[in-house]
């Protein structure tokens, strides 16, 4: 199943994962402390509060937050050099993460775009800021 990382619908993805896990609705209701109707309403939501999403992640043993991380990797706008320089001078109390960590799903998504001719290698490198050497290593390894 290919996921559209540009337009995530978290309710739909949770519902699909729930079906895959084959967990009874009574267990879900008890775990989330809500009714069957409230669960079905969540499936219709494009996004959910983080505390609810965390509970779903635990129950279904799937990191739904990673979907948003992948969206950031693919679609966040590049920052200007001056802005990034100023930003680095500031200290943060939050943990810092490397942006260029690509999952297998992201690699497959990118290679599929190239394979079906939707994007050229050059377009992929420019739009997603993937280094040339990285892209060519993926092509060699996965094709």
N, C-alpha and C. Protein backbone atom coordinates (compact mmCIF):
# COMPACT_ATOMS: atom_id res chain seq x y z
N UNK A 1 0.84 -1.18 0.00
CA UNK A 1 0.00 0.00 0.00
C UNK A 1 0.89 1.24 0.00
N UNK A 2 0.74 2.07 -0.99
CA UNK A 2 1.49 3.32 -1.06
C UNK A 2 0.75 4.39 -0.26
N UNK A 3 1.50 5.09 0.55
CA UNK A 3 0.92 6.15 1.38
C UNK A 3 1.24 7.48 0.73
N UNK A 4 0.24 8.33 0.64
CA UNK A 4 0.44 9.67 0.12
C UNK A 4 0.96 10.54 1.27
N UNK A 5 2.29 10.70 1.35
CA UNK A 5 2.88 11.45 2.45
C UNK A 5 2.57 12.94 2.37
N UNK A 6 2.15 13.40 1.19
CA UNK A 6 1.84 14.82 1.06
C UNK A 6 0.49 15.15 1.68
N UNK A 7 -0.45 14.23 1.60
CA UNK A 7 -1.80 14.47 2.09
C UNK A 7 -2.21 13.33 3.02
N UNK A 8 -1.70 13.37 4.25
CA UNK A 8 -1.98 12.31 5.22
C UNK A 8 -3.40 12.40 5.75
N UNK A 9 -4.05 11.25 5.86
CA UNK A 9 -5.36 11.15 6.50
C UNK A 9 -5.21 10.13 7.62
N UNK A 10 -4.90 10.61 8.80
CA UNK A 10 -4.50 9.73 9.89
C UNK A 10 -5.64 8.81 10.34
N UNK A 11 -6.88 9.29 10.31
CA UNK A 11 -8.01 8.45 10.70
C UNK A 11 -8.13 7.22 9.82
N UNK A 12 -8.00 7.43 8.52
CA UNK A 12 -8.07 6.34 7.55
C UNK A 12 -6.91 5.35 7.76
N UNK A 13 -5.72 5.87 8.02
CA UNK A 13 -4.56 5.00 8.22
C UNK A 13 -4.69 4.19 9.51
N UNK A 14 -5.25 4.79 10.55
CA UNK A 14 -5.48 4.06 11.80
C UNK A 14 -6.48 2.95 11.58
N UNK A 15 -7.54 3.25 10.86
CA UNK A 15 -8.56 2.23 10.58
C UNK A 15 -7.96 1.05 9.81
N UNK A 16 -7.12 1.34 8.83
CA UNK A 16 -6.48 0.27 8.05
C UNK A 16 -5.57 -0.57 8.94
N UNK A 17 -4.80 0.08 9.81
CA UNK A 17 -3.91 -0.65 10.72
C UNK A 17 -4.72 -1.50 11.69
N UNK A 18 -5.83 -0.98 12.18
CA UNK A 18 -6.69 -1.72 13.10
C UNK A 18 -7.20 -3.00 12.43
N UNK A 19 -7.62 -2.87 11.17
CA UNK A 19 -8.08 -4.06 10.42
C UNK A 19 -6.95 -5.07 10.27
N UNK A 20 -5.74 -4.56 9.97
CA UNK A 20 -4.58 -5.45 9.82
C UNK A 20 -4.27 -6.21 11.12
N UNK A 21 -4.44 -5.52 12.25
CA UNK A 21 -4.12 -6.11 13.55
C UNK A 21 -5.22 -7.03 14.07
N UNK A 22 -6.42 -6.88 13.51
CA UNK A 22 -7.56 -7.71 13.90
C UNK A 22 -7.83 -7.66 15.41
N UNK A 23 -7.88 -6.45 15.94
CA UNK A 23 -8.16 -6.25 17.37
C UNK A 23 -9.65 -5.97 17.51
N UNK A 24 -10.25 -6.59 18.50
CA UNK A 24 -11.69 -6.42 18.72
C UNK A 24 -12.01 -5.00 19.19
N UNK A 25 -13.14 -4.49 18.72
CA UNK A 25 -13.54 -3.12 19.03
C UNK A 25 -13.73 -2.91 20.54
N UNK A 26 -14.17 -3.95 21.24
CA UNK A 26 -14.36 -3.81 22.69
C UNK A 26 -13.02 -3.51 23.38
N UNK A 27 -11.95 -4.14 22.90
CA UNK A 27 -10.62 -3.88 23.48
C UNK A 27 -10.17 -2.46 23.17
N UNK A 28 -10.44 -1.99 21.95
CA UNK A 28 -10.08 -0.64 21.55
C UNK A 28 -10.81 0.37 22.42
N UNK A 29 -12.13 0.17 22.58
CA UNK A 29 -12.93 1.09 23.39
C UNK A 29 -12.43 1.14 24.83
N UNK A 30 -12.10 -0.01 25.36
CA UNK A 30 -11.61 -0.06 26.74
C UNK A 30 -10.26 0.65 26.86
N UNK A 31 -9.38 0.41 25.90
CA UNK A 31 -8.04 1.01 25.94
C UNK A 31 -8.11 2.53 25.79
N UNK A 32 -8.94 3.01 24.86
CA UNK A 32 -9.04 4.45 24.61
C UNK A 32 -10.06 5.16 25.50
N UNK A 33 -10.82 4.35 26.25
CA UNK A 33 -11.85 4.88 27.14
C UNK A 33 -12.85 5.74 26.37
N UNK A 34 -13.40 5.16 25.31
CA UNK A 34 -14.43 5.86 24.55
C UNK A 34 -15.37 4.83 23.90
N UNK A 35 -16.41 5.33 23.28
CA UNK A 35 -17.44 4.45 22.73
C UNK A 35 -17.09 4.03 21.30
N UNK A 36 -17.81 3.03 20.84
CA UNK A 36 -17.67 2.54 19.48
C UNK A 36 -17.90 3.67 18.47
N UNK A 37 -18.90 4.50 18.72
CA UNK A 37 -19.21 5.62 17.84
C UNK A 37 -18.08 6.65 17.79
N UNK A 38 -17.47 6.91 18.95
CA UNK A 38 -16.35 7.85 19.00
C UNK A 38 -15.15 7.32 18.22
N UNK A 39 -14.93 6.00 18.29
CA UNK A 39 -13.84 5.37 17.53
C UNK A 39 -14.10 5.55 16.03
N UNK A 40 -15.33 5.25 15.62
CA UNK A 40 -15.67 5.38 14.19
C UNK A 40 -15.55 6.82 13.74
N UNK A 41 -15.85 7.76 14.61
CA UNK A 41 -15.70 9.18 14.28
C UNK A 41 -14.21 9.52 14.08
N UNK A 42 -13.34 8.91 14.88
CA UNK A 42 -11.89 9.15 14.73
C UNK A 42 -11.40 8.68 13.36
N UNK A 43 -11.98 7.59 12.86
CA UNK A 43 -11.58 7.07 11.55
C UNK A 43 -11.88 8.07 10.43
N UNK A 44 -12.82 8.97 10.66
CA UNK A 44 -13.21 9.96 9.66
C UNK A 44 -12.37 11.23 9.73
N UNK A 45 -11.56 11.35 10.79
CA UNK A 45 -10.77 12.56 11.00
C UNK A 45 -9.48 12.54 10.19
N UNK A 46 -9.16 13.69 9.60
CA UNK A 46 -7.90 13.83 8.86
C UNK A 46 -6.72 13.91 9.82
N UNK A 47 -6.94 14.48 11.00
CA UNK A 47 -5.89 14.53 12.02
C UNK A 47 -6.52 14.34 13.39
N UNK A 48 -5.67 14.00 14.34
CA UNK A 48 -6.13 13.73 15.71
C UNK A 48 -5.19 14.41 16.70
N UNK A 49 -5.67 14.69 17.92
CA UNK A 49 -4.78 15.24 18.94
C UNK A 49 -3.63 14.27 19.23
N UNK A 50 -2.49 14.81 19.60
CA UNK A 50 -1.31 13.97 19.81
C UNK A 50 -1.49 12.94 20.91
N UNK A 51 -2.22 13.27 21.96
CA UNK A 51 -2.40 12.29 23.03
C UNK A 51 -3.20 11.08 22.54
N UNK A 52 -4.18 11.32 21.69
CA UNK A 52 -4.97 10.23 21.12
C UNK A 52 -4.10 9.43 20.14
N UNK A 53 -3.32 10.12 19.32
CA UNK A 53 -2.46 9.46 18.36
C UNK A 53 -1.41 8.59 19.07
N UNK A 54 -0.93 9.06 20.20
CA UNK A 54 0.03 8.28 20.99
C UNK A 54 -0.62 7.00 21.50
N UNK A 55 -1.85 7.09 21.95
CA UNK A 55 -2.56 5.89 22.42
C UNK A 55 -2.76 4.89 21.28
N UNK A 56 -3.15 5.40 20.10
CA UNK A 56 -3.32 4.52 18.94
C UNK A 56 -1.99 3.85 18.59
N UNK A 57 -0.91 4.62 18.65
CA UNK A 57 0.42 4.08 18.34
C UNK A 57 0.78 2.94 19.28
N UNK A 58 0.46 3.11 20.54
CA UNK A 58 0.75 2.05 21.53
C UNK A 58 -0.13 0.83 21.31
N UNK A 59 -1.42 1.07 21.13
CA UNK A 59 -2.36 -0.04 20.96
C UNK A 59 -2.06 -0.86 19.71
N UNK A 60 -1.79 -0.17 18.61
CA UNK A 60 -1.60 -0.85 17.33
C UNK A 60 -0.14 -1.15 17.02
N UNK A 61 0.73 -0.79 17.98
CA UNK A 61 2.17 -1.05 17.84
C UNK A 61 2.71 -0.55 16.51
N UNK A 62 2.37 0.72 16.23
CA UNK A 62 2.80 1.36 14.99
C UNK A 62 3.06 2.83 15.27
N UNK A 63 4.17 3.35 14.80
CA UNK A 63 4.53 4.75 15.05
C UNK A 63 3.85 5.67 14.02
N UNK A 64 2.65 6.13 14.34
CA UNK A 64 1.92 7.01 13.43
C UNK A 64 2.60 8.38 13.31
N UNK A 65 3.39 8.76 14.29
CA UNK A 65 4.10 10.03 14.24
C UNK A 65 5.16 10.02 13.14
N UNK A 66 5.70 8.85 12.85
CA UNK A 66 6.71 8.75 11.81
C UNK A 66 6.16 9.16 10.45
N UNK A 67 4.88 8.97 10.24
CA UNK A 67 4.27 9.40 8.98
C UNK A 67 4.45 10.91 8.80
N UNK A 68 4.28 11.64 9.90
CA UNK A 68 4.46 13.09 9.84
C UNK A 68 5.94 13.45 9.65
N UNK A 69 6.82 12.66 10.27
CA UNK A 69 8.26 12.89 10.09
C UNK A 69 8.64 12.71 8.63
N UNK A 70 8.08 11.69 8.00
CA UNK A 70 8.37 11.46 6.59
C UNK A 70 7.83 12.60 5.73
N UNK A 71 6.68 13.13 6.11
CA UNK A 71 6.14 14.30 5.40
C UNK A 71 7.13 15.46 5.50
N UNK A 72 7.68 15.69 6.69
CA UNK A 72 8.64 16.78 6.87
C UNK A 72 9.88 16.57 6.02
N UNK A 73 10.37 15.34 5.96
CA UNK A 73 11.56 15.05 5.17
C UNK A 73 11.32 15.37 3.70
N UNK A 74 10.15 14.99 3.22
CA UNK A 74 9.86 15.16 1.80
C UNK A 74 9.38 16.55 1.41
N UNK A 75 8.63 17.20 2.27
CA UNK A 75 7.93 18.41 1.84
C UNK A 75 8.22 19.68 2.62
N UNK A 76 9.14 19.66 3.57
CA UNK A 76 9.42 20.91 4.28
C UNK A 76 10.23 21.83 3.37
N UNK A 77 9.93 23.12 3.40
CA UNK A 77 10.65 24.04 2.51
C UNK A 77 12.09 24.21 2.96
N UNK A 78 12.99 24.38 2.00
CA UNK A 78 14.39 24.60 2.39
C UNK A 78 14.53 25.95 3.06
N UNK A 79 15.33 26.00 4.10
CA UNK A 79 15.56 27.27 4.78
C UNK A 79 16.67 28.04 4.09
N UNK A 80 16.66 29.34 4.24
CA UNK A 80 17.72 30.14 3.64
C UNK A 80 19.00 29.94 4.45
N UNK A 81 20.14 30.14 3.84
CA UNK A 81 21.43 29.95 4.50
C UNK A 81 21.55 30.87 5.71
N UNK A 82 21.11 32.12 5.57
CA UNK A 82 21.20 33.07 6.66
C UNK A 82 20.31 32.64 7.83
N UNK A 83 19.09 32.20 7.53
CA UNK A 83 18.18 31.77 8.58
C UNK A 83 18.76 30.57 9.33
N UNK A 84 19.30 29.60 8.59
CA UNK A 84 19.88 28.42 9.23
C UNK A 84 21.08 28.77 10.09
N UNK A 85 21.87 29.76 9.65
CA UNK A 85 23.03 30.18 10.43
C UNK A 85 22.57 30.80 11.75
N UNK A 86 21.57 31.68 11.69
CA UNK A 86 21.03 32.31 12.90
C UNK A 86 20.43 31.25 13.80
N UNK A 87 19.72 30.31 13.21
CA UNK A 87 19.06 29.26 13.97
C UNK A 87 20.08 28.41 14.73
N UNK A 88 21.23 28.12 14.10
CA UNK A 88 22.24 27.29 14.75
C UNK A 88 22.86 27.98 15.95
N UNK A 89 22.89 29.30 15.92
CA UNK A 89 23.48 30.05 17.03
C UNK A 89 22.62 29.97 18.28
N UNK A 90 21.32 29.77 18.11
CA UNK A 90 20.41 29.64 19.25
C UNK A 90 20.54 28.25 19.86
N UNK A 91 20.34 28.18 21.14
CA UNK A 91 20.32 26.87 21.78
C UNK A 91 18.88 26.47 22.01
N UNK A 92 18.65 25.19 21.98
CA UNK A 92 17.30 24.69 22.16
C UNK A 92 17.27 23.71 23.32
N UNK A 93 16.15 23.69 24.01
CA UNK A 93 15.97 22.74 25.10
C UNK A 93 15.32 21.46 24.61
N UNK A 94 14.98 21.42 23.31
CA UNK A 94 14.37 20.23 22.73
C UNK A 94 15.44 19.35 22.09
N UNK A 95 15.19 18.05 22.01
CA UNK A 95 16.16 17.17 21.34
C UNK A 95 16.30 17.54 19.87
N UNK A 96 17.49 17.40 19.33
CA UNK A 96 17.75 17.69 17.92
C UNK A 96 17.82 16.38 17.15
N UNK A 97 17.17 16.33 15.99
CA UNK A 97 17.15 15.13 15.17
C UNK A 97 17.76 15.44 13.81
N UNK A 98 18.41 14.45 13.25
CA UNK A 98 18.91 14.58 11.88
C UNK A 98 17.72 14.52 10.94
N UNK A 99 17.70 15.41 9.98
CA UNK A 99 16.58 15.43 9.05
C UNK A 99 16.70 14.34 7.99
N UNK A 100 17.90 14.05 7.54
CA UNK A 100 18.08 13.15 6.41
C UNK A 100 18.17 11.68 6.83
N UNK A 101 17.15 11.22 7.48
CA UNK A 101 17.04 9.81 7.80
C UNK A 101 15.88 9.28 6.99
N UNK A 102 16.20 8.47 6.02
CA UNK A 102 15.19 7.99 5.07
C UNK A 102 14.78 6.56 5.40
N UNK A 103 13.50 6.33 5.52
CA UNK A 103 13.00 4.99 5.77
C UNK A 103 12.88 4.23 4.45
N UNK A 104 12.71 2.94 4.55
CA UNK A 104 12.54 2.10 3.36
C UNK A 104 11.33 2.58 2.55
N UNK A 105 10.25 2.98 3.24
CA UNK A 105 9.06 3.46 2.54
C UNK A 105 9.35 4.72 1.73
N UNK A 106 10.14 5.63 2.29
CA UNK A 106 10.49 6.86 1.59
C UNK A 106 11.33 6.53 0.36
N UNK A 107 12.31 5.66 0.54
CA UNK A 107 13.17 5.27 -0.58
C UNK A 107 12.33 4.64 -1.69
N UNK A 108 11.43 3.74 -1.33
CA UNK A 108 10.56 3.10 -2.33
C UNK A 108 9.67 4.13 -3.02
N UNK A 109 9.15 5.08 -2.27
CA UNK A 109 8.31 6.14 -2.82
C UNK A 109 9.09 6.95 -3.86
N UNK A 110 10.30 7.35 -3.52
CA UNK A 110 11.13 8.15 -4.41
C UNK A 110 11.48 7.36 -5.67
N UNK A 111 11.90 6.10 -5.49
CA UNK A 111 12.28 5.28 -6.65
C UNK A 111 11.09 4.99 -7.55
N UNK A 112 9.91 4.87 -6.94
CA UNK A 112 8.70 4.64 -7.73
C UNK A 112 8.38 5.87 -8.59
N UNK A 113 8.56 7.07 -8.02
CA UNK A 113 8.33 8.30 -8.78
C UNK A 113 9.21 8.33 -10.03
N UNK A 114 10.45 7.90 -9.87
CA UNK A 114 11.39 7.89 -10.99
C UNK A 114 11.00 6.79 -11.98
N UNK A 115 10.67 5.61 -11.46
CA UNK A 115 10.37 4.46 -12.31
C UNK A 115 9.15 4.69 -13.20
N UNK A 116 8.13 5.33 -12.67
CA UNK A 116 6.91 5.55 -13.46
C UNK A 116 7.00 6.83 -14.29
N UNK A 117 8.12 7.54 -14.17
CA UNK A 117 8.33 8.73 -14.98
C UNK A 117 7.63 9.97 -14.47
N UNK A 118 7.12 9.92 -13.24
CA UNK A 118 6.45 11.10 -12.69
C UNK A 118 7.45 12.22 -12.39
N UNK A 119 8.65 11.82 -12.00
CA UNK A 119 9.72 12.79 -11.72
C UNK A 119 11.03 12.25 -12.30
N UNK A 120 11.89 13.18 -12.70
CA UNK A 120 13.23 12.79 -13.15
C UNK A 120 14.14 12.74 -11.92
N UNK A 121 15.31 12.17 -12.12
CA UNK A 121 16.28 12.12 -11.01
C UNK A 121 16.63 13.53 -10.56
N UNK A 122 16.79 14.41 -11.53
CA UNK A 122 17.13 15.80 -11.21
C UNK A 122 16.02 16.46 -10.39
N UNK A 123 14.76 16.24 -10.80
CA UNK A 123 13.64 16.82 -10.06
C UNK A 123 13.60 16.29 -8.63
N UNK A 124 13.84 15.00 -8.46
CA UNK A 124 13.84 14.40 -7.12
C UNK A 124 14.92 15.05 -6.26
N UNK A 125 16.12 15.20 -6.83
CA UNK A 125 17.23 15.79 -6.07
C UNK A 125 16.91 17.24 -5.67
N UNK A 126 16.28 17.99 -6.58
CA UNK A 126 15.99 19.39 -6.29
C UNK A 126 14.80 19.55 -5.35
N UNK A 127 13.70 18.85 -5.63
CA UNK A 127 12.47 19.03 -4.85
C UNK A 127 12.57 18.45 -3.44
N UNK A 128 13.25 17.31 -3.30
CA UNK A 128 13.32 16.66 -1.98
C UNK A 128 14.68 16.83 -1.32
N UNK A 129 15.59 17.56 -1.99
CA UNK A 129 16.92 17.83 -1.46
C UNK A 129 17.66 16.55 -1.08
N UNK A 130 17.56 15.56 -1.94
CA UNK A 130 18.27 14.31 -1.73
C UNK A 130 19.59 14.41 -2.48
N UNK A 131 20.70 14.18 -1.79
CA UNK A 131 22.00 14.28 -2.46
C UNK A 131 22.11 13.29 -3.62
N UNK A 132 22.82 13.71 -4.66
CA UNK A 132 22.99 12.89 -5.87
C UNK A 132 23.55 11.51 -5.52
N UNK A 133 24.60 11.49 -4.70
CA UNK A 133 25.22 10.20 -4.36
C UNK A 133 24.25 9.29 -3.64
N UNK A 134 23.43 9.86 -2.77
CA UNK A 134 22.44 9.06 -2.03
C UNK A 134 21.43 8.46 -3.00
N UNK A 135 20.91 9.28 -3.91
CA UNK A 135 19.92 8.80 -4.87
C UNK A 135 20.49 7.67 -5.73
N UNK A 136 21.70 7.85 -6.23
CA UNK A 136 22.29 6.83 -7.09
C UNK A 136 22.62 5.55 -6.31
N UNK A 137 22.96 5.67 -5.05
CA UNK A 137 23.18 4.48 -4.21
C UNK A 137 21.87 3.71 -4.05
N UNK A 138 20.76 4.44 -3.85
CA UNK A 138 19.45 3.80 -3.74
C UNK A 138 19.11 3.06 -5.02
N UNK A 139 19.33 3.73 -6.14
CA UNK A 139 19.01 3.12 -7.44
C UNK A 139 19.81 1.84 -7.63
N UNK A 140 21.07 1.90 -7.31
CA UNK A 140 21.93 0.72 -7.46
C UNK A 140 21.53 -0.40 -6.50
N UNK A 141 21.19 -0.02 -5.29
CA UNK A 141 20.87 -1.03 -4.26
C UNK A 141 19.49 -1.64 -4.44
N UNK A 142 18.49 -0.84 -4.79
CA UNK A 142 17.10 -1.31 -4.79
C UNK A 142 16.55 -1.65 -6.17
N UNK A 143 17.27 -1.37 -7.24
CA UNK A 143 16.75 -1.70 -8.58
C UNK A 143 17.50 -2.86 -9.19
